C-alpha cells in the first residue's frame, strides 16, 4: 500500500502562516525548491483543502513560463542568481500539472485546474479506498484537512520544512493534541531551512 504523506513549510515555532495570514517567509529558495520537486515526483494524488488549493492554482499557468513571462526553453536572459529558482519553479509547475487533485470544499462550485475533483466532505473510508487502489503516494496539503486525516489515523509520514523565523502565532502546521513520531530523515539547507521526515506511529 502507498503512503499518505503530510507536507508543510512552516516557521520554527510551527505555523504555516502568521496571524495576518502571511507566509512570504516560507517561499523556498532554489536549493529547497529543487529538493521539494524530487519528493513530489513520487506523488500521484494531492488531497487539498480549499484554501491550499486556491494558493496552488497559479502553478497551473506557470508550467511554460519563467520569471519574466517567456519560455525557459526559448533562451530568455535571466540573472544568474535567479536561474536556479526559475528552473525549479517551472519544474514544479510541470509536476503539479501531472498530478491528480482532490479538493475538499463545501462552497467551491468549479475548478480551474486540470485533473481536479471537488469532494464536499472528508471521508476517511473513501481515502482508505483511494489509498488501497493507488500506485503512487498520496500527499495531503493544508493543515485543516490534514488534521482530519491525522485524527482518522490515515497519515503515514509527516514531512516538515522548518524556516528560520518565529512568527509567534497563526495557523498551526500540526493539529492540537499528541502525535508520536519517529525521525526517519533530516537535512539542513544553506538558507537555514531544516527538513524533517517522520514516520507517524
N, C-alpha and C. Protein backbone atom coordinates (compact mmCIF):
# COMPACT_ATOMS: atom_id res chain seq x y z
N UNK A 1 0.84 -1.19 0.00
CA UNK A 1 0.00 0.00 0.00
C UNK A 1 0.88 1.25 0.00
N UNK A 2 0.47 2.26 -0.73
CA UNK A 2 1.24 3.50 -0.80
C UNK A 2 1.07 4.30 0.49
N UNK A 3 1.91 5.29 0.66
CA UNK A 3 1.87 6.12 1.87
C UNK A 3 1.02 7.36 1.67
N UNK A 4 0.38 7.80 2.73
CA UNK A 4 -0.29 9.10 2.77
C UNK A 4 0.63 10.04 3.52
N UNK A 5 1.06 11.10 2.86
CA UNK A 5 2.11 11.98 3.37
C UNK A 5 1.58 13.39 3.59
N UNK A 6 1.83 13.92 4.76
CA UNK A 6 1.51 15.32 5.03
C UNK A 6 2.80 16.12 4.98
N UNK A 7 2.83 17.15 4.12
CA UNK A 7 4.00 18.01 3.99
C UNK A 7 3.61 19.45 4.28
N UNK A 8 4.52 20.18 4.93
CA UNK A 8 4.25 21.58 5.23
C UNK A 8 5.55 22.35 5.36
N UNK A 9 5.54 23.57 4.87
CA UNK A 9 6.62 24.52 5.13
C UNK A 9 6.14 25.43 6.24
N UNK A 10 6.88 25.49 7.34
CA UNK A 10 6.38 26.23 8.49
C UNK A 10 7.50 26.99 9.20
N UNK A 11 7.09 27.87 10.08
CA UNK A 11 8.06 28.61 10.90
C UNK A 11 8.66 27.68 11.94
N UNK A 12 9.74 28.12 12.56
CA UNK A 12 10.41 27.30 13.56
C UNK A 12 9.51 27.04 14.76
N UNK A 13 8.51 27.93 14.98
CA UNK A 13 7.57 27.71 16.08
C UNK A 13 6.28 27.03 15.61
N UNK A 14 6.28 26.50 14.38
CA UNK A 14 5.22 25.58 13.98
C UNK A 14 4.00 26.14 13.30
N UNK A 15 4.12 27.26 12.59
CA UNK A 15 2.97 27.85 11.91
C UNK A 15 3.22 27.92 10.40
N UNK A 16 2.18 27.62 9.63
CA UNK A 16 2.29 27.73 8.17
C UNK A 16 1.96 29.13 7.69
N UNK A 17 1.31 29.91 8.52
CA UNK A 17 1.01 31.32 8.22
C UNK A 17 0.91 32.06 9.54
N UNK A 18 1.23 33.36 9.53
CA UNK A 18 1.15 34.12 10.77
C UNK A 18 -0.28 34.57 11.05
N UNK A 19 -0.48 35.37 12.07
CA UNK A 19 -1.83 35.75 12.48
C UNK A 19 -2.54 36.62 11.45
N UNK A 20 -1.79 37.23 10.54
CA UNK A 20 -2.38 38.03 9.46
C UNK A 20 -2.55 37.20 8.18
N UNK A 21 -2.19 35.93 8.25
CA UNK A 21 -2.31 35.06 7.09
C UNK A 21 -1.13 35.12 6.14
N UNK A 22 -0.06 35.80 6.55
CA UNK A 22 1.12 35.93 5.69
C UNK A 22 2.03 34.71 5.80
N UNK A 23 2.61 34.34 4.68
CA UNK A 23 3.59 33.25 4.67
C UNK A 23 4.69 33.53 3.66
N UNK A 24 4.98 34.80 3.41
CA UNK A 24 6.03 35.16 2.47
C UNK A 24 7.40 34.66 2.91
N UNK A 25 7.58 34.49 4.20
CA UNK A 25 8.83 33.98 4.75
C UNK A 25 9.05 32.49 4.41
N UNK A 26 8.01 31.84 3.90
CA UNK A 26 8.08 30.40 3.62
C UNK A 26 8.45 30.10 2.17
N UNK A 27 8.63 31.13 1.35
CA UNK A 27 8.96 30.90 -0.06
C UNK A 27 10.33 30.22 -0.16
N UNK A 28 10.41 29.04 -0.76
CA UNK A 28 11.69 28.31 -0.80
C UNK A 28 12.66 28.90 -1.81
N UNK A 29 13.95 28.80 -1.50
CA UNK A 29 14.96 29.20 -2.48
C UNK A 29 15.19 28.04 -3.45
N UNK A 30 16.12 28.21 -4.38
CA UNK A 30 16.33 27.21 -5.43
C UNK A 30 16.72 25.85 -4.85
N UNK A 31 17.57 25.86 -3.83
CA UNK A 31 18.05 24.61 -3.24
C UNK A 31 16.90 23.82 -2.60
N UNK A 32 16.10 24.51 -1.80
CA UNK A 32 14.96 23.86 -1.15
C UNK A 32 13.93 23.44 -2.19
N UNK A 33 13.66 24.33 -3.14
CA UNK A 33 12.65 24.05 -4.15
C UNK A 33 13.00 22.81 -4.96
N UNK A 34 14.25 22.67 -5.34
CA UNK A 34 14.69 21.51 -6.10
C UNK A 34 14.52 20.22 -5.30
N UNK A 35 14.80 20.30 -4.00
CA UNK A 35 14.63 19.15 -3.13
C UNK A 35 13.15 18.76 -3.03
N UNK A 36 12.29 19.77 -2.87
CA UNK A 36 10.85 19.52 -2.82
C UNK A 36 10.38 18.84 -4.11
N UNK A 37 10.88 19.33 -5.24
CA UNK A 37 10.49 18.76 -6.53
C UNK A 37 10.79 17.26 -6.59
N UNK A 38 11.95 16.87 -6.09
CA UNK A 38 12.32 15.46 -6.11
C UNK A 38 11.37 14.63 -5.25
N UNK A 39 10.95 15.19 -4.13
CA UNK A 39 9.99 14.49 -3.27
C UNK A 39 8.65 14.35 -3.97
N UNK A 40 8.22 15.40 -4.67
CA UNK A 40 6.90 15.41 -5.28
C UNK A 40 6.80 14.47 -6.48
N UNK A 41 7.92 14.07 -7.04
CA UNK A 41 7.88 13.17 -8.19
C UNK A 41 7.25 11.82 -7.85
N UNK A 42 7.27 11.45 -6.59
CA UNK A 42 6.70 10.18 -6.20
C UNK A 42 5.22 10.24 -5.84
N UNK A 43 4.61 11.41 -6.00
CA UNK A 43 3.22 11.61 -5.62
C UNK A 43 2.30 11.45 -6.83
N UNK A 44 1.20 10.73 -6.65
CA UNK A 44 0.23 10.56 -7.73
C UNK A 44 -1.06 11.33 -7.52
N UNK A 45 -1.35 11.68 -6.26
CA UNK A 45 -2.60 12.39 -5.95
C UNK A 45 -2.36 13.39 -4.82
N UNK A 46 -2.94 14.58 -4.98
CA UNK A 46 -2.95 15.58 -3.93
C UNK A 46 -4.35 15.64 -3.32
N UNK A 47 -4.43 15.63 -2.00
CA UNK A 47 -5.66 15.91 -1.28
C UNK A 47 -5.49 17.29 -0.66
N UNK A 48 -6.40 18.22 -1.01
CA UNK A 48 -6.21 19.61 -0.63
C UNK A 48 -7.46 20.21 -0.02
N UNK A 49 -7.26 21.05 1.00
CA UNK A 49 -8.34 21.89 1.47
C UNK A 49 -8.54 23.04 0.48
N UNK A 50 -9.66 23.75 0.58
CA UNK A 50 -9.96 24.81 -0.39
C UNK A 50 -8.91 25.90 -0.40
N UNK A 51 -8.49 26.37 0.78
CA UNK A 51 -7.52 27.46 0.82
C UNK A 51 -6.18 27.05 0.23
N UNK A 52 -5.75 25.84 0.53
CA UNK A 52 -4.50 25.36 -0.05
C UNK A 52 -4.62 25.24 -1.56
N UNK A 53 -5.76 24.73 -2.02
CA UNK A 53 -5.98 24.61 -3.45
C UNK A 53 -5.90 25.99 -4.13
N UNK A 54 -6.57 26.97 -3.56
CA UNK A 54 -6.57 28.31 -4.16
C UNK A 54 -5.17 28.92 -4.15
N UNK A 55 -4.37 28.58 -3.14
CA UNK A 55 -2.98 29.05 -3.11
C UNK A 55 -2.17 28.43 -4.24
N UNK A 56 -2.51 27.19 -4.59
CA UNK A 56 -1.73 26.46 -5.58
C UNK A 56 -2.17 26.70 -7.02
N UNK A 57 -3.34 27.27 -7.24
CA UNK A 57 -3.88 27.46 -8.59
C UNK A 57 -2.89 28.14 -9.54
N UNK A 58 -2.17 29.19 -9.13
CA UNK A 58 -1.26 29.85 -10.08
C UNK A 58 -0.23 28.94 -10.73
N UNK A 59 0.10 27.82 -10.10
CA UNK A 59 1.07 26.90 -10.70
C UNK A 59 0.58 26.36 -12.03
N UNK A 60 -0.73 26.32 -12.22
CA UNK A 60 -1.29 25.79 -13.46
C UNK A 60 -0.81 26.57 -14.69
N UNK A 61 -0.66 27.89 -14.51
CA UNK A 61 -0.27 28.74 -15.64
C UNK A 61 1.23 28.93 -15.76
N UNK A 62 2.00 28.37 -14.83
CA UNK A 62 3.43 28.61 -14.79
C UNK A 62 4.26 27.56 -15.51
N UNK A 63 3.64 26.51 -15.95
CA UNK A 63 4.40 25.36 -16.46
C UNK A 63 5.37 25.72 -17.58
N UNK A 64 5.02 26.72 -18.40
CA UNK A 64 5.88 27.05 -19.54
C UNK A 64 6.33 28.50 -19.51
N UNK A 65 6.31 29.11 -18.32
CA UNK A 65 6.74 30.49 -18.22
C UNK A 65 7.84 30.62 -17.18
N UNK A 66 8.73 31.59 -17.37
CA UNK A 66 9.76 31.87 -16.37
C UNK A 66 9.43 33.17 -15.67
N UNK A 67 10.37 33.71 -14.96
CA UNK A 67 10.10 34.88 -14.14
C UNK A 67 9.66 36.10 -14.93
N UNK A 68 10.10 36.25 -16.20
CA UNK A 68 9.69 37.42 -16.96
C UNK A 68 8.64 37.09 -18.02
N UNK A 69 8.05 35.86 -17.90
CA UNK A 69 6.92 35.52 -18.73
C UNK A 69 7.27 34.84 -20.04
N UNK A 70 8.53 34.57 -20.32
CA UNK A 70 8.91 33.91 -21.56
C UNK A 70 9.32 32.48 -21.28
N UNK A 71 9.36 31.68 -22.31
CA UNK A 71 9.67 30.26 -22.17
C UNK A 71 11.11 30.04 -21.76
N UNK A 72 11.30 29.12 -20.81
CA UNK A 72 12.66 28.79 -20.37
C UNK A 72 13.45 28.20 -21.52
N UNK A 73 12.79 27.34 -22.30
CA UNK A 73 13.48 26.70 -23.40
C UNK A 73 13.78 27.68 -24.53
N UNK A 74 13.19 28.87 -24.48
CA UNK A 74 13.37 29.85 -25.53
C UNK A 74 14.62 30.66 -25.38
N UNK A 75 15.42 30.40 -24.36
CA UNK A 75 16.69 31.08 -24.21
C UNK A 75 16.58 32.48 -23.67
N UNK A 76 15.63 32.74 -22.78
CA UNK A 76 15.48 34.07 -22.22
C UNK A 76 16.67 34.41 -21.35
N UNK A 77 16.94 35.70 -21.21
CA UNK A 77 18.07 36.15 -20.40
C UNK A 77 17.60 36.38 -18.98
N UNK A 78 18.07 35.55 -18.06
CA UNK A 78 17.68 35.63 -16.66
C UNK A 78 18.92 35.83 -15.81
N UNK A 79 18.89 36.76 -14.86
CA UNK A 79 20.04 36.94 -13.99
C UNK A 79 20.47 35.63 -13.35
N UNK A 80 21.78 35.43 -13.24
CA UNK A 80 22.31 34.15 -12.76
C UNK A 80 21.74 33.77 -11.39
N UNK A 81 21.55 34.76 -10.50
CA UNK A 81 21.08 34.44 -9.16
C UNK A 81 19.64 33.93 -9.15
N UNK A 82 18.90 34.20 -10.25
CA UNK A 82 17.52 33.73 -10.32
C UNK A 82 17.35 32.48 -11.17
N UNK A 83 18.40 32.09 -11.88
CA UNK A 83 18.27 30.98 -12.82
C UNK A 83 17.84 29.69 -12.14
N UNK A 84 18.43 29.38 -10.98
CA UNK A 84 18.06 28.16 -10.28
C UNK A 84 16.64 28.19 -9.76
N UNK A 85 16.22 29.36 -9.26
CA UNK A 85 14.85 29.50 -8.77
C UNK A 85 13.88 29.32 -9.92
N UNK A 86 14.18 29.95 -11.04
CA UNK A 86 13.32 29.86 -12.21
C UNK A 86 13.15 28.42 -12.67
N UNK A 87 14.25 27.71 -12.80
CA UNK A 87 14.21 26.33 -13.27
C UNK A 87 13.40 25.45 -12.32
N UNK A 88 13.62 25.60 -11.02
CA UNK A 88 12.90 24.81 -10.03
C UNK A 88 11.42 25.13 -10.04
N UNK A 89 11.08 26.40 -10.25
CA UNK A 89 9.69 26.82 -10.28
C UNK A 89 8.95 26.21 -11.46
N UNK A 90 9.54 26.28 -12.63
CA UNK A 90 8.93 25.70 -13.83
C UNK A 90 8.82 24.19 -13.69
N UNK A 91 9.85 23.58 -13.12
CA UNK A 91 9.85 22.14 -12.92
C UNK A 91 8.69 21.73 -12.01
N UNK A 92 8.50 22.47 -10.92
CA UNK A 92 7.40 22.12 -10.01
C UNK A 92 6.05 22.31 -10.69
N UNK A 93 5.92 23.37 -11.49
CA UNK A 93 4.65 23.61 -12.19
C UNK A 93 4.30 22.43 -13.09
N UNK A 94 5.30 21.87 -13.74
CA UNK A 94 5.07 20.72 -14.61
C UNK A 94 4.68 19.48 -13.80
N UNK A 95 5.31 19.32 -12.65
CA UNK A 95 4.96 18.21 -11.76
C UNK A 95 3.52 18.36 -11.28
N UNK A 96 3.18 19.57 -10.83
CA UNK A 96 1.83 19.88 -10.34
C UNK A 96 0.78 19.55 -11.40
N UNK A 97 1.05 19.92 -12.64
CA UNK A 97 0.09 19.70 -13.71
C UNK A 97 -0.17 18.24 -14.01
N UNK A 98 0.76 17.36 -13.66
CA UNK A 98 0.61 15.95 -13.96
C UNK A 98 0.05 15.12 -12.83
N UNK A 99 -0.34 15.76 -11.73
CA UNK A 99 -0.84 15.04 -10.56
C UNK A 99 -2.35 15.23 -10.40
N UNK A 100 -3.06 14.14 -10.05
CA UNK A 100 -4.49 14.23 -9.77
C UNK A 100 -4.71 15.01 -8.48
N UNK A 101 -5.80 15.78 -8.44
CA UNK A 101 -6.07 16.63 -7.29
C UNK A 101 -7.50 16.42 -6.81
N UNK A 102 -7.66 16.28 -5.50
CA UNK A 102 -8.97 16.20 -4.86
C UNK A 102 -9.07 17.39 -3.91
N UNK A 103 -10.09 18.22 -4.10
CA UNK A 103 -10.27 19.42 -3.28
C UNK A 103 -11.48 19.23 -2.39
N UNK A 104 -11.29 19.38 -1.09
CA UNK A 104 -12.39 19.26 -0.14
C UNK A 104 -12.96 20.64 0.14
N UNK A 105 -14.22 20.84 -0.25
CA UNK A 105 -14.84 22.14 -0.06
C UNK A 105 -16.36 22.01 -0.12
N UNK A 106 -17.03 22.71 0.78
CA UNK A 106 -18.50 22.75 0.75
C UNK A 106 -19.01 23.93 -0.05
N UNK A 107 -18.12 24.82 -0.45
CA UNK A 107 -18.55 26.05 -1.14
C UNK A 107 -18.04 26.16 -2.57
N UNK A 108 -16.95 25.49 -2.90
CA UNK A 108 -16.37 25.60 -4.24
C UNK A 108 -17.31 24.96 -5.26
N UNK A 109 -17.62 25.68 -6.34
CA UNK A 109 -18.55 25.17 -7.34
C UNK A 109 -17.86 24.72 -8.62
N UNK A 110 -16.66 25.23 -8.87
CA UNK A 110 -15.93 24.81 -10.06
C UNK A 110 -14.43 24.93 -9.80
N UNK A 111 -13.65 24.27 -10.62
CA UNK A 111 -12.20 24.31 -10.51
C UNK A 111 -11.61 24.87 -11.79
N UNK A 112 -10.40 25.40 -11.67
CA UNK A 112 -9.74 25.99 -12.83
C UNK A 112 -8.44 25.27 -13.17
N UNK A 113 -8.27 24.07 -12.65
CA UNK A 113 -7.07 23.30 -12.90
C UNK A 113 -7.45 21.93 -13.46
N UNK A 114 -6.53 21.36 -14.22
CA UNK A 114 -6.77 20.04 -14.81
C UNK A 114 -6.69 18.95 -13.75
N UNK A 115 -7.30 17.81 -14.07
CA UNK A 115 -7.20 16.61 -13.23
C UNK A 115 -7.64 16.88 -11.80
N UNK A 116 -8.71 17.66 -11.64
CA UNK A 116 -9.15 18.10 -10.32
C UNK A 116 -10.61 17.73 -10.08
N UNK A 117 -10.88 17.19 -8.88
CA UNK A 117 -12.22 16.79 -8.48
C UNK A 117 -12.58 17.49 -7.18
N UNK A 118 -13.81 17.99 -7.08
CA UNK A 118 -14.31 18.57 -5.83
C UNK A 118 -15.04 17.49 -5.04
N UNK A 119 -14.70 17.38 -3.76
CA UNK A 119 -15.41 16.48 -2.84
C UNK A 119 -15.93 17.32 -1.69
N UNK A 120 -17.19 17.13 -1.34
CA UNK A 120 -17.83 18.01 -0.36
C UNK A 120 -17.39 17.76 1.07
N UNK A 121 -17.06 16.53 1.42
CA UNK A 121 -16.70 16.24 2.81
C UNK A 121 -15.55 15.25 2.84
N UNK A 122 -14.72 15.38 3.84
CA UNK A 122 -13.59 14.45 4.01
C UNK A 122 -14.12 13.15 4.61
N UNK A 123 -14.03 12.09 3.84
CA UNK A 123 -14.50 10.78 4.26
C UNK A 123 -13.29 9.86 4.41
N UNK A 124 -13.00 9.47 5.64
CA UNK A 124 -11.81 8.66 5.91
C UNK A 124 -11.86 7.33 5.17
N UNK A 125 -13.03 6.70 5.08
CA UNK A 125 -13.14 5.42 4.39
C UNK A 125 -12.86 5.58 2.89
N UNK A 126 -13.31 6.69 2.32
CA UNK A 126 -13.06 6.94 0.90
C UNK A 126 -11.57 7.14 0.65
N UNK A 127 -10.88 7.79 1.59
CA UNK A 127 -9.44 7.99 1.45
C UNK A 127 -8.71 6.65 1.57
N UNK A 128 -9.16 5.80 2.49
CA UNK A 128 -8.56 4.47 2.62
C UNK A 128 -8.73 3.68 1.33
N UNK A 129 -9.92 3.78 0.72
CA UNK A 129 -10.16 3.07 -0.54
C UNK A 129 -9.26 3.60 -1.64
N UNK A 130 -9.10 4.92 -1.68
CA UNK A 130 -8.21 5.55 -2.66
C UNK A 130 -6.78 5.07 -2.47
N UNK A 131 -6.37 5.00 -1.22
CA UNK A 131 -5.00 4.57 -0.91
C UNK A 131 -4.78 3.11 -1.29
N UNK A 132 -5.79 2.28 -1.11
CA UNK A 132 -5.64 0.85 -1.43
C UNK A 132 -5.52 0.61 -2.92
N UNK A 133 -6.03 1.55 -3.73
CA UNK A 133 -6.01 1.39 -5.18
C UNK A 133 -4.86 2.15 -5.84
N UNK A 134 -4.25 3.08 -5.11
CA UNK A 134 -3.23 3.94 -5.70
C UNK A 134 -1.93 3.18 -5.95
N UNK A 135 -1.19 3.64 -6.95
CA UNK A 135 0.11 3.05 -7.26
C UNK A 135 1.25 4.01 -6.93
N UNK A 136 0.89 5.27 -6.60
CA UNK A 136 1.87 6.25 -6.15
C UNK A 136 1.39 6.87 -4.85
N UNK A 137 2.32 7.45 -4.10
CA UNK A 137 1.97 8.05 -2.82
C UNK A 137 0.93 9.14 -2.97
N UNK A 138 0.21 9.39 -1.88
CA UNK A 138 -0.80 10.44 -1.81
C UNK A 138 -0.30 11.51 -0.86
N UNK A 139 -0.40 12.75 -1.28
CA UNK A 139 0.03 13.88 -0.46
C UNK A 139 -1.18 14.66 0.00
N UNK A 140 -1.23 15.01 1.27
CA UNK A 140 -2.32 15.82 1.78
C UNK A 140 -1.78 17.19 2.18
N UNK A 141 -2.43 18.25 1.70
CA UNK A 141 -1.92 19.60 1.91
C UNK A 141 -2.97 20.51 2.52
N UNK A 142 -2.53 21.31 3.46
CA UNK A 142 -3.44 22.19 4.20
C UNK A 142 -3.67 21.62 5.58
N UNK A 143 -3.30 22.37 6.63
CA UNK A 143 -3.36 21.81 7.98
C UNK A 143 -4.77 21.47 8.47
N UNK A 144 -5.78 22.13 7.95
CA UNK A 144 -7.15 21.86 8.42
C UNK A 144 -7.62 20.49 7.96
N UNK A 145 -7.49 20.22 6.67
CA UNK A 145 -7.90 18.91 6.17
C UNK A 145 -6.93 17.83 6.67
N UNK A 146 -5.66 18.18 6.83
CA UNK A 146 -4.70 17.21 7.34
C UNK A 146 -5.03 16.79 8.77
N UNK A 147 -5.55 17.73 9.56
CA UNK A 147 -5.92 17.41 10.94
C UNK A 147 -6.97 16.29 10.98
N UNK A 148 -7.86 16.30 10.01
CA UNK A 148 -8.88 15.24 9.96
C UNK A 148 -8.25 13.90 9.58
N UNK A 149 -7.26 13.95 8.71
CA UNK A 149 -6.56 12.73 8.33
C UNK A 149 -5.75 12.18 9.50
N UNK A 150 -5.09 13.07 10.25
CA UNK A 150 -4.36 12.64 11.44
C UNK A 150 -5.32 12.01 12.45
N UNK A 151 -6.47 12.65 12.66
CA UNK A 151 -7.44 12.15 13.64
C UNK A 151 -7.96 10.76 13.26
N UNK A 152 -8.04 10.50 11.95
CA UNK A 152 -8.53 9.21 11.48
C UNK A 152 -7.44 8.15 11.39
N UNK A 153 -6.21 8.55 11.74
CA UNK A 153 -5.10 7.60 11.70
C UNK A 153 -4.64 7.26 10.30
N UNK A 154 -4.84 8.18 9.36
CA UNK A 154 -4.53 7.92 7.96
C UNK A 154 -3.12 8.32 7.55
N UNK A 155 -2.51 9.24 8.27
CA UNK A 155 -1.23 9.80 7.86
C UNK A 155 -0.08 8.86 8.22
N UNK A 156 0.70 8.49 7.21
CA UNK A 156 1.83 7.58 7.41
C UNK A 156 3.13 8.32 7.66
N UNK A 157 3.31 9.44 6.95
CA UNK A 157 4.53 10.23 7.08
C UNK A 157 4.20 11.70 7.22
N UNK A 158 5.05 12.40 7.93
CA UNK A 158 4.95 13.84 8.11
C UNK A 158 6.28 14.44 7.68
N UNK A 159 6.24 15.35 6.71
CA UNK A 159 7.45 16.00 6.20
C UNK A 159 7.35 17.50 6.46
N UNK A 160 8.24 18.01 7.29
CA UNK A 160 8.21 19.42 7.67
C UNK A 160 9.47 20.12 7.20
N UNK A 161 9.29 21.30 6.66
CA UNK A 161 10.40 22.18 6.32
C UNK A 161 10.33 23.37 7.28
N UNK A 162 11.24 23.42 8.24
CA UNK A 162 11.24 24.46 9.26
C UNK A 162 12.08 25.65 8.80
N UNK A 163 11.42 26.80 8.66
CA UNK A 163 12.10 28.02 8.23
C UNK A 163 12.70 28.73 9.44
N UNK A 164 13.84 29.39 9.29
CA UNK A 164 14.49 30.08 10.41
C UNK A 164 13.82 31.40 10.74
N UNK A 165 12.54 31.33 11.12
CA UNK A 165 11.78 32.51 11.52
C UNK A 165 10.73 32.06 12.53
N UNK A 166 10.50 32.89 13.53
CA UNK A 166 9.46 32.65 14.52
C UNK A 166 8.39 33.72 14.34
N UNK A 167 7.13 33.29 14.18
CA UNK A 167 6.06 34.26 13.90
C UNK A 167 5.13 34.48 15.09
N UNK A 168 5.22 33.65 16.11
CA UNK A 168 4.51 33.90 17.35
C UNK A 168 3.05 33.50 17.40
N UNK A 169 2.49 33.03 16.30
CA UNK A 169 1.09 32.63 16.29
C UNK A 169 0.57 32.59 14.86
N UNK A 170 -0.63 32.03 14.70
CA UNK A 170 -1.21 31.94 13.38
C UNK A 170 -1.85 30.59 13.15
N UNK A 171 -1.69 30.06 11.95
CA UNK A 171 -2.27 28.77 11.58
C UNK A 171 -1.24 27.68 11.83
N UNK A 172 -1.58 26.77 12.74
CA UNK A 172 -0.65 25.73 13.14
C UNK A 172 -0.43 24.71 12.03
N UNK A 173 0.80 24.25 11.88
CA UNK A 173 1.12 23.23 10.88
C UNK A 173 0.59 21.86 11.31
N UNK A 174 0.65 21.58 12.61
CA UNK A 174 0.23 20.28 13.13
C UNK A 174 -1.00 20.44 14.01
N UNK A 175 -1.85 19.43 14.06
CA UNK A 175 -3.06 19.53 14.88
C UNK A 175 -2.75 19.55 16.37
N UNK A 176 -3.66 20.08 17.14
CA UNK A 176 -3.51 20.05 18.58
C UNK A 176 -3.61 18.61 19.08
N UNK A 177 -3.02 18.38 20.22
CA UNK A 177 -3.03 17.03 20.76
C UNK A 177 -1.72 16.32 20.49
N UNK A 178 -1.62 15.12 20.98
CA UNK A 178 -0.37 14.36 20.91
C UNK A 178 -0.20 13.65 19.57
N UNK A 179 1.02 13.70 19.06
CA UNK A 179 1.42 12.91 17.91
C UNK A 179 2.73 12.22 18.26
N UNK A 180 2.78 10.93 18.07
CA UNK A 180 4.01 10.18 18.31
C UNK A 180 4.70 9.96 16.97
N UNK A 181 5.91 10.48 16.86
CA UNK A 181 6.64 10.48 15.60
C UNK A 181 8.00 9.83 15.75
N UNK A 182 8.45 9.21 14.68
CA UNK A 182 9.80 8.64 14.65
C UNK A 182 10.57 9.30 13.52
N UNK A 183 11.70 9.91 13.86
CA UNK A 183 12.51 10.62 12.87
C UNK A 183 13.14 9.62 11.90
N UNK A 184 12.90 9.84 10.60
CA UNK A 184 13.45 8.98 9.55
C UNK A 184 14.58 9.65 8.78
N UNK A 185 14.52 10.97 8.68
CA UNK A 185 15.49 11.68 7.85
C UNK A 185 15.54 13.14 8.25
N UNK A 186 16.71 13.75 8.12
CA UNK A 186 16.83 15.19 8.36
C UNK A 186 17.89 15.76 7.42
N UNK A 187 17.69 17.02 7.06
CA UNK A 187 18.61 17.68 6.15
C UNK A 187 18.57 19.18 6.43
N UNK A 188 19.74 19.80 6.45
CA UNK A 188 19.83 21.24 6.64
C UNK A 188 20.30 21.89 5.35
N UNK A 189 19.61 22.96 4.96
CA UNK A 189 19.94 23.67 3.74
C UNK A 189 20.75 24.93 4.05
N UNK A 190 21.40 25.47 3.02
CA UNK A 190 22.26 26.64 3.20
C UNK A 190 21.51 27.83 3.78
N UNK A 191 20.21 27.94 3.48
CA UNK A 191 19.39 29.06 3.94
C UNK A 191 19.05 28.96 5.43
N UNK A 192 19.32 27.80 6.03
CA UNK A 192 18.94 27.59 7.42
C UNK A 192 17.66 26.79 7.57
N UNK A 193 16.98 26.51 6.45
CA UNK A 193 15.79 25.66 6.49
C UNK A 193 16.20 24.24 6.87
N UNK A 194 15.41 23.61 7.72
CA UNK A 194 15.67 22.24 8.16
C UNK A 194 14.52 21.34 7.71
N UNK A 195 14.86 20.27 7.01
CA UNK A 195 13.87 19.28 6.58
C UNK A 195 13.85 18.13 7.57
N UNK A 196 12.66 17.79 8.04
CA UNK A 196 12.48 16.68 8.98
C UNK A 196 11.41 15.74 8.44
N UNK A 197 11.77 14.49 8.28
CA UNK A 197 10.83 13.47 7.80
C UNK A 197 10.55 12.49 8.92
N UNK A 198 9.27 12.33 9.25
CA UNK A 198 8.88 11.49 10.37
C UNK A 198 7.93 10.38 9.91
N UNK A 199 8.04 9.23 10.55
CA UNK A 199 7.03 8.19 10.48
C UNK A 199 6.02 8.47 11.59
N UNK A 200 4.74 8.39 11.26
CA UNK A 200 3.70 8.62 12.26
C UNK A 200 3.35 7.29 12.89
N UNK A 201 3.63 7.16 14.17
CA UNK A 201 3.41 5.89 14.87
C UNK A 201 1.92 5.59 15.02
